[in-house]
Amino acid sequence: MIETSAAPTDTAATMPEAGVWVVLPTYNEADNLGPISTAILAALPAATLLVVDDNSPDGTGQLADDLAAADPRIRVLHRAAKQGLGRAYLDGFAHALSGGATTVVQMDADFSHDPGALPGLVAPVVDDRADLVIGSRYARGGGVVDWGVGRRIVSRGGSLFARTVLSLGPHDLTGGFKAWRASTLAAVPFDGVHAGGYVFQIEMTFRASRAGARIHEVPITFRDRRIGQSKMSRRIIVEALVVVVQLRAEELRGRLLRRRRS
């Protein structure tokens, strides 16, 4: 993995969101990267944007390098090949933490997560009201547009299933628009975290919750990607359901073992 970036500016370091890093995984997002980068940095002018590119065949990585050369707030982490969304996030998280981030945001590059919602997403972490904030489609005031009935059922049903099996409070467990307190994120053991799409989002929230994190939801409107095709598949959905059951089973086995020892 190779990082490219320009030197940070003194002005950015004095702004309130100077410790905020936005981790943006990309794979074939050349058409979206320029506009989404502009929108993110307009919403959080002093933040650092970390593009994590998986050697996109369409030249997204080179475009990211060009953007970084022109704007000191943008950095690029190049990965050799596509290894899953979750693994891209984990590598980006580790890089942001090592770079001194105090708040780490994760979001998609396809405008399904509205950059305009970023200030409201990070505010509870910056103000010390939450350790993890989830941009929620299913909290009061949230919603989705441009989705068919089938996808709505899969998404809401997956969240409900995970919420019930894992006894979690948040309503939206499969979404990927989140803001983390750096210390909370650093306490999650990255080794062994499943790197799939839905399951990665569920497991990270599960592990944070079990560690005692204060988790808040803020309502967002989720829109289907503007350009390109969704990367979600039936395999990813099935994997998520299986891993949710495994997580609960492992937790119950651990409790049983502790009781036997005590």
C-alpha atoms as a PDB file:
ATOM      1  CA  MET A   1       0.000   0.000   0.000  1.00  0.00           C
ATOM      2  CA  ILE A   2       1.274   3.444  -0.938  1.00  0.00           C
ATOM      3  CA  GLU A   3       0.085   6.806   0.362  1.00  0.00           C
ATOM      4  CA  THR A   4       0.341  10.026  -1.582  1.00  0.00           C
ATOM      5  CA  SER A   5      -0.497  13.440  -0.159  1.00  0.00           C
ATOM      6  CA  ALA A   6       0.491  17.060  -0.051  1.00  0.00           C
ATOM      7  CA  ALA A   7       1.666  18.718   3.142  1.00  0.00           C
ATOM      8  CA  PRO A   8      -1.141  19.922   5.476  1.00  0.00           C
ATOM      9  CA  THR A   9      -1.682  23.667   5.829  1.00  0.00           C
ATOM     10  CA  ASP A  10      -1.440  25.635   9.089  1.00  0.00           C
ATOM     11  CA  THR A  11      -4.856  27.197   8.418  1.00  0.00           C
ATOM     12  CA  ALA A  12      -6.585  23.813   8.305  1.00  0.00           C
ATOM     13  CA  ALA A  13      -4.994  22.788  11.594  1.00  0.00           C
ATOM     14  CA  THR A  14      -6.717  25.653  13.408  1.00  0.00           C
ATOM     15  CA  MET A  15     -10.229  24.778  12.288  1.00  0.00           C
ATOM     16  CA  PRO A  16     -12.632  22.802  14.558  1.00  0.00           C
ATOM     17  CA  GLU A  17     -12.826  19.816  12.211  1.00  0.00           C
ATOM     18  CA  ALA A  18      -9.065  19.631  11.646  1.00  0.00           C
ATOM     19  CA  GLY A  19      -8.970  16.256  13.430  1.00  0.00           C
ATOM     20  CA  VAL A  20     -11.701  14.781  11.222  1.00  0.00           C
ATOM     21  CA  TRP A  21     -10.601  12.288   8.588  1.00  0.00           C
ATOM     22  CA  VAL A  22     -13.081  11.089   5.966  1.00  0.00           C
ATOM     23  CA  VAL A  23     -12.228   7.602   4.674  1.00  0.00           C
ATOM     24  CA  LEU A  24     -13.537   7.100   1.140  1.00  0.00           C
ATOM     25  CA  PRO A  25     -12.972   3.663  -0.475  1.00  0.00           C
ATOM     26  CA  THR A  26     -13.069   3.669  -4.280  1.00  0.00           C
ATOM     27  CA  TYR A  27     -13.174   1.102  -7.042  1.00  0.00           C
ATOM     28  CA  ASN A  28     -14.011   2.376 -10.526  1.00  0.00           C
ATOM     29  CA  GLU A  29     -15.354   5.693  -9.251  1.00  0.00           C
ATOM     30  CA  ALA A  30     -13.572   8.008 -11.707  1.00  0.00           C
ATOM     31  CA  ASP A  31     -16.800   9.787 -12.648  1.00  0.00           C
ATOM     32  CA  ASN A  32     -17.781  10.375  -9.027  1.00  0.00           C
ATOM     33  CA  LEU A  33     -14.479  11.108  -7.317  1.00  0.00           C
ATOM     34  CA  GLY A  34     -13.968  14.710  -8.360  1.00  0.00           C
ATOM     35  CA  PRO A  35     -17.488  15.921  -7.495  1.00  0.00           C
ATOM     36  CA  ILE A  36     -17.707  13.935  -4.240  1.00  0.00           C
ATOM     37  CA  SER A  37     -14.306  15.194  -3.077  1.00  0.00           C
ATOM     38  CA  THR A  38     -15.351  18.784  -3.717  1.00  0.00           C
ATOM     39  CA  ALA A  39     -18.631  18.277  -1.873  1.00  0.00           C
ATOM     40  CA  ILE A  40     -16.999  16.589   1.136  1.00  0.00           C
ATOM     41  CA  LEU A  41     -14.432  19.336   1.598  1.00  0.00           C
ATOM     42  CA  ALA A  42     -17.075  22.019   1.125  1.00  0.00           C
ATOM     43  CA  ALA A  43     -19.014  20.472   4.009  1.00  0.00           C
ATOM     44  CA  LEU A  44     -15.911  19.994   6.217  1.00  0.00           C
ATOM     45  CA  PRO A  45     -13.365  22.525   4.949  1.00  0.00           C
ATOM     46  CA  ALA A  46     -10.584  21.653   7.416  1.00  0.00           C
ATOM     47  CA  ALA A  47     -11.012  17.867   7.316  1.00  0.00           C
ATOM     48  CA  THR A  48      -8.616  15.402   5.709  1.00  0.00           C
ATOM     49  CA  LEU A  49     -10.049  13.285   2.908  1.00  0.00           C
ATOM     50  CA  LEU A  50      -8.382   9.879   2.556  1.00  0.00           C
ATOM     51  CA  VAL A  51      -9.174   8.122  -0.710  1.00  0.00           C
ATOM     52  CA  VAL A  52      -8.527   4.362  -0.466  1.00  0.00           C
ATOM     53  CA  ASP A  53      -8.318   3.046  -4.001  1.00  0.00           C
ATOM     54  CA  ASP A  54      -8.169  -0.645  -4.898  1.00  0.00           C
ATOM     55  CA  ASN A  55      -6.156  -0.276  -8.137  1.00  0.00           C
ATOM     56  CA  SER A  56      -9.265   0.739 -10.097  1.00  0.00           C
ATOM     57  CA  PRO A  57      -9.010  -0.183 -13.788  1.00  0.00           C
ATOM     58  CA  ASP A  58     -10.793   3.045 -14.779  1.00  0.00           C
ATOM     59  CA  GLY A  59      -8.016   5.283 -13.470  1.00  0.00           C
ATOM     60  CA  THR A  60      -9.625   6.380 -10.218  1.00  0.00           C
ATOM     61  CA  GLY A  61      -6.297   6.022  -8.395  1.00  0.00           C
ATOM     62  CA  GLN A  62      -4.471   8.354 -10.792  1.00  0.00           C
ATOM     63  CA  LEU A  63      -7.292  10.859 -10.565  1.00  0.00           C
ATOM     64  CA  ALA A  64      -7.043  10.705  -6.776  1.00  0.00           C
ATOM     65  CA  ASP A  65      -3.315  11.425  -7.015  1.00  0.00           C
ATOM     66  CA  ASP A  66      -4.034  14.429  -9.230  1.00  0.00           C
ATOM     67  CA  LEU A  67      -6.590  15.746  -6.750  1.00  0.00           C
ATOM     68  CA  ALA A  68      -4.133  15.259  -3.876  1.00  0.00           C
ATOM     69  CA  ALA A  69      -1.443  17.148  -5.758  1.00  0.00           C
ATOM     70  CA  ALA A  70      -3.832  20.068  -6.181  1.00  0.00           C
ATOM     71  CA  ASP A  71      -5.330  20.081  -2.676  1.00  0.00           C
ATOM     72  CA  PRO A  72      -3.320  19.484   0.523  1.00  0.00           C
ATOM     73  CA  ARG A  73      -6.420  18.225   2.319  1.00  0.00           C
ATOM     74  CA  ILE A  74      -6.616  15.121   0.124  1.00  0.00           C
ATOM     75  CA  ARG A  75      -4.505  11.998   0.643  1.00  0.00           C
ATOM     76  CA  VAL A  76      -4.499   8.726  -1.232  1.00  0.00           C
ATOM     77  CA  LEU A  77      -3.897   5.190  -0.034  1.00  0.00           C
ATOM     78  CA  HIS A  78      -3.270   2.794  -2.911  1.00  0.00           C
ATOM     79  CA  ARG A  79      -4.001  -0.898  -2.446  1.00  0.00           C
ATOM     80  CA  ALA A  80      -2.704  -3.516  -4.860  1.00  0.00           C
ATOM     81  CA  ALA A  81      -6.058  -5.129  -5.641  1.00  0.00           C
ATOM     82  CA  LYS A  82      -9.707  -5.292  -4.695  1.00  0.00           C
ATOM     83  CA  GLN A  83     -10.020  -7.097  -1.359  1.00  0.00           C
ATOM     84  CA  GLY A  84     -13.494  -6.171  -0.171  1.00  0.00           C
ATOM     85  CA  LEU A  85     -15.095  -2.993   1.113  1.00  0.00           C
ATOM     86  CA  GLY A  86     -14.551  -3.869   4.754  1.00  0.00           C
ATOM     87  CA  ARG A  87     -10.827  -4.462   4.282  1.00  0.00           C
ATOM     88  CA  ALA A  88     -10.519  -1.141   2.435  1.00  0.00           C
ATOM     89  CA  TYR A  89     -12.193   0.599   5.363  1.00  0.00           C
ATOM     90  CA  LEU A  90      -9.986  -1.139   7.913  1.00  0.00           C
ATOM     91  CA  ASP A  91      -6.823  -0.144   6.071  1.00  0.00           C
ATOM     92  CA  GLY A  92      -8.145   3.398   5.781  1.00  0.00           C
ATOM     93  CA  PHE A  93      -9.072   3.484   9.463  1.00  0.00           C
ATOM     94  CA  ALA A  94      -5.610   2.316  10.492  1.00  0.00           C
ATOM     95  CA  HIS A  95      -4.027   4.973   8.309  1.00  0.00           C
ATOM     96  CA  ALA A  96      -6.245   7.730   9.666  1.00  0.00           C
ATOM     97  CA  LEU A  97      -5.567   6.703  13.260  1.00  0.00           C
ATOM     98  CA  SER A  98      -1.821   6.656  12.662  1.00  0.00           C
ATOM     99  CA  GLY A  99      -2.149  10.093  11.084  1.00  0.00           C
ATOM    100  CA  GLY A 100      -3.600  11.621  14.243  1.00  0.00           C
ATOM    101  CA  ALA A 101      -7.307  11.588  13.486  1.00  0.00           C
ATOM    102  CA  THR A 102      -9.612  12.388  16.394  1.00  0.00           C
ATOM    103  CA  THR A 103     -12.810  11.600  14.466  1.00  0.00           C
ATOM    104  CA  VAL A 104     -13.029   9.151  11.565  1.00  0.00           C
ATOM    105  CA  VAL A 105     -15.884   9.210   9.065  1.00  0.00           C
ATOM    106  CA  GLN A 106     -16.694   6.390   6.678  1.00  0.00           C
ATOM    107  CA  MET A 107     -18.822   6.944   3.594  1.00  0.00           C
ATOM    108  CA  ASP A 108     -19.381   5.802   0.026  1.00  0.00           C
ATOM    109  CA  ALA A 109     -18.041   7.627  -3.020  1.00  0.00           C
ATOM    110  CA  ASP A 110     -21.211   7.375  -5.111  1.00  0.00           C
ATOM    111  CA  PHE A 111     -23.314  10.177  -3.529  1.00  0.00           C
ATOM    112  CA  SER A 112     -25.653   7.702  -1.845  1.00  0.00           C
ATOM    113  CA  HIS A 113     -24.352   9.336   1.350  1.00  0.00           C
ATOM    114  CA  ASP A 114     -25.038  13.053   1.171  1.00  0.00           C
ATOM    115  CA  PRO A 115     -21.897  15.104   1.890  1.00  0.00           C
ATOM    116  CA  GLY A 116     -24.171  17.859   3.140  1.00  0.00           C
ATOM    117  CA  ALA A 117     -25.050  15.643   6.116  1.00  0.00           C
ATOM    118  CA  LEU A 118     -21.424  15.447   7.304  1.00  0.00           C
ATOM    119  CA  PRO A 119     -21.481  18.342   9.818  1.00  0.00           C
ATOM    120  CA  GLY A 120     -24.499  16.834  11.567  1.00  0.00           C
ATOM    121  CA  LEU A 121     -22.911  13.393  11.531  1.00  0.00           C
ATOM    122  CA  VAL A 122     -19.641  14.426  13.181  1.00  0.00           C
ATOM    123  CA  ALA A 123     -21.070  16.991  15.629  1.00  0.00           C
ATOM    124  CA  PRO A 124     -22.102  14.485  18.365  1.00  0.00           C
ATOM    125  CA  VAL A 125     -18.578  13.008  18.365  1.00  0.00           C
ATOM    126  CA  VAL A 126     -16.809  16.380  18.330  1.00  0.00           C
ATOM    127  CA  ASP A 127     -19.118  17.647  21.108  1.00  0.00           C
ATOM    128  CA  ASP A 128     -18.473  14.493  23.199  1.00  0.00           C
ATOM    129  CA  ARG A 129     -22.086  13.329  23.088  1.00  0.00           C
ATOM    130  CA  ALA A 130     -21.379  10.072  21.261  1.00  0.00           C
ATOM    131  CA  ASP A 131     -18.591   7.656  20.413  1.00  0.00           C
ATOM    132  CA  LEU A 132     -20.187   6.325  17.240  1.00  0.00           C
ATOM    133  CA  VAL A 133     -22.787   8.123  15.134  1.00  0.00           C
ATOM    134  CA  ILE A 134     -24.748   6.231  12.485  1.00  0.00           C
ATOM    135  CA  GLY A 135     -26.348   8.042   9.582  1.00  0.00           C
ATOM    136  CA  SER A 136     -29.637   6.194   9.804  1.00  0.00           C
ATOM    137  CA  ARG A 137     -32.189   5.577   7.086  1.00  0.00           C
ATOM    138  CA  TYR A 138     -34.565   4.067   9.620  1.00  0.00           C
ATOM    139  CA  ALA A 139     -34.464   6.562  12.477  1.00  0.00           C
ATOM    140  CA  ARG A 140     -37.352   9.013  12.668  1.00  0.00           C
ATOM    141  CA  GLY A 141     -36.892  11.499   9.830  1.00  0.00           C
ATOM    142  CA  GLY A 142     -34.672   9.222   7.737  1.00  0.00           C
ATOM    143  CA  GLY A 143     -35.518   7.424   4.527  1.00  0.00           C
ATOM    144  CA  VAL A 144     -34.462   6.060   1.138  1.00  0.00           C
ATOM    145  CA  VAL A 145     -35.301   7.133  -2.402  1.00  0.00           C
ATOM    146  CA  ASP A 146     -34.902   5.475  -5.807  1.00  0.00           C
ATOM    147  CA  TRP A 147     -35.092   1.962  -4.344  1.00  0.00           C
ATOM    148  CA  GLY A 148     -37.408  -0.830  -5.408  1.00  0.00           C
ATOM    149  CA  VAL A 149     -39.530  -2.785  -2.963  1.00  0.00           C
ATOM    150  CA  GLY A 150     -37.176  -5.771  -2.962  1.00  0.00           C
ATOM    151  CA  ARG A 151     -34.118  -3.784  -1.960  1.00  0.00           C
ATOM    152  CA  ARG A 152     -36.058  -1.959   0.754  1.00  0.00           C
ATOM    153  CA  ILE A 153     -37.168  -5.280   2.231  1.00  0.00           C
ATOM    154  CA  VAL A 154     -33.644  -6.728   2.141  1.00  0.00           C
ATOM    155  CA  SER A 155     -32.077  -3.683   3.782  1.00  0.00           C
ATOM    156  CA  ARG A 156     -34.662  -3.122   6.480  1.00  0.00           C
ATOM    157  CA  GLY A 157     -35.057  -6.841   7.080  1.00  0.00           C
ATOM    158  CA  GLY A 158     -31.306  -7.309   7.440  1.00  0.00           C
ATOM    159  CA  SER A 159     -31.104  -4.546  10.018  1.00  0.00           C
ATOM    160  CA  LEU A 160     -34.090  -5.921  11.919  1.00  0.00           C
ATOM    161  CA  PHE A 161     -32.650  -9.444  11.883  1.00  0.00           C
ATOM    162  CA  ALA A 162     -29.253  -8.293  13.174  1.00  0.00           C
ATOM    163  CA  ARG A 163     -30.825  -5.980  15.732  1.00  0.00           C
ATOM    164  CA  THR A 164     -32.935  -8.815  17.118  1.00  0.00           C
ATOM    165  CA  VAL A 165     -30.308 -11.574  17.097  1.00  0.00           C
ATOM    166  CA  LEU A 166     -27.533  -9.389  18.524  1.00  0.00           C
ATOM    167  CA  SER A 167     -29.735  -7.370  20.903  1.00  0.00           C
ATOM    168  CA  LEU A 168     -28.574  -4.042  19.516  1.00  0.00           C
ATOM    169  CA  GLY A 169     -30.307  -0.693  19.847  1.00  0.00           C
ATOM    170  CA  PRO A 170     -29.614   1.119  16.545  1.00  0.00           C
ATOM    171  CA  HIS A 171     -32.257   0.740  13.851  1.00  0.00           C
ATOM    172  CA  ASP A 172     -29.911   0.935  10.864  1.00  0.00           C
ATOM    173  CA  LEU A 173     -27.173  -1.681  11.201  1.00  0.00           C
ATOM    174  CA  THR A 174     -26.364  -2.259   7.530  1.00  0.00           C
ATOM    175  CA  GLY A 175     -25.615   1.338   6.545  1.00  0.00           C
ATOM    176  CA  GLY A 176     -22.063   2.567   6.009  1.00  0.00           C
ATOM    177  CA  PHE A 177     -22.341   6.302   6.767  1.00  0.00           C
ATOM    178  CA  LYS A 178     -20.746   6.637  10.214  1.00  0.00           C
ATOM    179  CA  ALA A 179     -18.584   8.888  12.361  1.00  0.00           C
ATOM    180  CA  TRP A 180     -16.280   7.312  14.949  1.00  0.00           C
ATOM    181  CA  ARG A 181     -14.432   8.716  17.907  1.00  0.00           C
ATOM    182  CA  ALA A 182     -10.852   7.721  17.184  1.00  0.00           C
ATOM    183  CA  SER A 183     -10.309   6.069  20.576  1.00  0.00           C
ATOM    184  CA  THR A 184     -13.489   3.991  20.137  1.00  0.00           C
ATOM    185  CA  LEU A 185     -12.447   2.871  16.666  1.00  0.00           C
ATOM    186  CA  ALA A 186      -8.916   2.058  17.856  1.00  0.00           C
ATOM    187  CA  ALA A 187     -10.352  -0.189  20.593  1.00  0.00           C
ATOM    188  CA  VAL A 188     -12.083  -2.436  18.037  1.00  0.00           C
ATOM    189  CA  PRO A 189      -9.833  -5.420  17.221  1.00  0.00           C
ATOM    190  CA  PHE A 190      -9.457  -5.227  13.441  1.00  0.00           C
ATOM    191  CA  ASP A 191      -7.978  -8.713  13.202  1.00  0.00           C
ATOM    192  CA  GLY A 192     -10.758 -11.159  12.502  1.00  0.00           C
ATOM    193  CA  VAL A 193     -13.383  -8.588  11.504  1.00  0.00           C
ATOM    194  CA  HIS A 194     -15.278  -9.859   8.478  1.00  0.00           C
ATOM    195  CA  ALA A 195     -14.589  -7.723   5.414  1.00  0.00           C
ATOM    196  CA  GLY A 196     -17.837  -8.102   3.482  1.00  0.00           C
ATOM    197  CA  GLY A 197     -20.332  -5.300   2.845  1.00  0.00           C
ATOM    198  CA  TYR A 198     -23.347  -5.638   5.119  1.00  0.00           C
ATOM    199  CA  VAL A 199     -21.595  -7.893   7.602  1.00  0.00           C
ATOM    200  CA  PHE A 200     -18.716  -5.479   8.099  1.00  0.00           C
ATOM    201  CA  GLN A 201     -21.097  -2.665   9.012  1.00  0.00           C
ATOM    202  CA  ILE A 202     -23.043  -4.865  11.415  1.00  0.00           C
ATOM    203  CA  GLU A 203     -19.993  -6.358  13.097  1.00  0.00           C
ATOM    204  CA  MET A 204     -18.230  -3.050  13.682  1.00  0.00           C
ATOM    205  CA  THR A 205     -21.298  -1.605  15.399  1.00  0.00           C
ATOM    206  CA  PHE A 206     -21.741  -4.827  17.371  1.00  0.00           C
ATOM    207  CA  ARG A 207     -18.165  -4.746  18.649  1.00  0.00           C
ATOM    208  CA  ALA A 208     -18.376  -1.057  19.545  1.00  0.00           C
ATOM    209  CA  SER A 209     -21.639  -1.618  21.396  1.00  0.00           C
ATOM    210  CA  ARG A 210     -20.265  -4.531  23.401  1.00  0.00           C
ATOM    211  CA  ALA A 211     -17.275  -2.365  24.348  1.00  0.00           C
ATOM    212  CA  GLY A 212     -19.629   0.200  25.867  1.00  0.00           C
ATOM    213  CA  ALA A 213     -19.611   2.843  23.125  1.00  0.00           C
ATOM    214  CA  ARG A 214     -22.261   5.553  23.192  1.00  0.00           C
ATOM    215  CA  ILE A 215     -24.036   5.048  19.873  1.00  0.00           C
ATOM    216  CA  HIS A 216     -26.319   7.684  18.379  1.00  0.00           C
ATOM    217  CA  GLU A 217     -28.324   7.713  15.167  1.00  0.00           C
ATOM    218  CA  VAL A 218     -28.986  10.808  13.077  1.00  0.00           C
ATOM    219  CA  PRO A 219     -31.576  10.611  10.294  1.00  0.00           C
ATOM    220  CA  ILE A 220     -30.354  10.730   6.690  1.00  0.00           C
ATOM    221  CA  THR A 221     -31.947  10.350   3.290  1.00  0.00           C
ATOM    222  CA  PHE A 222     -30.172   7.647   1.313  1.00  0.00           C
ATOM    223  CA  ARG A 223     -30.214   7.952  -2.479  1.00  0.00           C
ATOM    224  CA  ASP A 224     -29.224   5.259  -4.928  1.00  0.00           C
ATOM    225  CA  ARG A 225     -25.853   5.823  -6.577  1.00  0.00           C
ATOM    226  CA  ARG A 226     -25.808   8.489  -9.310  1.00  0.00           C
ATOM    227  CA  ILE A 227     -23.385   6.752 -11.672  1.00  0.00           C
ATOM    228  CA  GLY A 228     -22.450   3.084 -12.075  1.00  0.00           C
ATOM    229  CA  GLN A 229     -23.924  -0.064 -10.617  1.00  0.00           C
ATOM    230  CA  SER A 230     -24.442  -1.194  -7.043  1.00  0.00           C
ATOM    231  CA  LYS A 231     -21.741  -3.544  -5.757  1.00  0.00           C
ATOM    232  CA  MET A 232     -24.156  -5.382  -3.442  1.00  0.00           C
ATOM    233  CA  SER A 233     -24.805  -9.061  -4.248  1.00  0.00           C
ATOM    234  CA  ARG A 234     -26.819 -11.988  -2.955  1.00  0.00           C
ATOM    235  CA  ARG A 235     -23.617 -13.584  -1.647  1.00  0.00           C
ATOM    236  CA  ILE A 236     -22.879 -10.539   0.513  1.00  0.00           C
ATOM    237  CA  ILE A 237     -26.387 -10.614   1.964  1.00  0.00           C
ATOM    238  CA  VAL A 238     -26.232 -14.331   2.796  1.00  0.00           C
ATOM    239  CA  GLU A 239     -22.785 -13.888   4.332  1.00  0.00           C
ATOM    240  CA  ALA A 240     -24.150 -11.161   6.591  1.00  0.00           C
ATOM    241  CA  LEU A 241     -26.979 -13.334   7.895  1.00  0.00           C
ATOM    242  CA  VAL A 242     -24.637 -16.248   8.591  1.00  0.00           C
ATOM    243  CA  VAL A 243     -22.047 -14.117  10.390  1.00  0.00           C
ATOM    244  CA  VAL A 244     -24.706 -12.444  12.553  1.00  0.00           C
ATOM    245  CA  VAL A 245     -25.708 -15.866  13.850  1.00  0.00           C
ATOM    246  CA  GLN A 246     -22.045 -16.796  14.340  1.00  0.00           C
ATOM    247  CA  LEU A 247     -21.363 -13.628  16.339  1.00  0.00           C
ATOM    248  CA  ARG A 248     -24.246 -14.362  18.664  1.00  0.00           C
ATOM    249  CA  ALA A 249     -23.253 -18.017  19.038  1.00  0.00           C
ATOM    250  CA  GLU A 250     -19.652 -17.051  19.859  1.00  0.00           C
ATOM    251  CA  GLU A 251     -20.871 -14.568  22.444  1.00  0.00           C
ATOM    252  CA  LEU A 252     -23.106 -17.145  24.111  1.00  0.00           C
ATOM    253  CA  ARG A 253     -20.307 -19.728  24.147  1.00  0.00           C
ATOM    254  CA  GLY A 254     -17.999 -17.182  25.758  1.00  0.00           C
ATOM    255  CA  ARG A 255     -20.528 -16.462  28.480  1.00  0.00           C
ATOM    256  CA  LEU A 256     -20.976 -20.170  29.134  1.00  0.00           C
ATOM    257  CA  LEU A 257     -17.230 -20.719  29.440  1.00  0.00           C
ATOM    258  CA  ARG A 258     -16.880 -17.821  31.866  1.00  0.00           C
ATOM    259  CA  ARG A 259     -19.644 -19.217  34.042  1.00  0.00           C
ATOM    260  CA  ARG A 260     -18.007 -22.639  34.145  1.00  0.00           C
ATOM    261  CA  ARG A 261     -14.694 -21.112  35.198  1.00  0.00           C
ATOM    262  CA  SER A 262     -16.254 -18.977  37.929  1.00  0.00           C
END
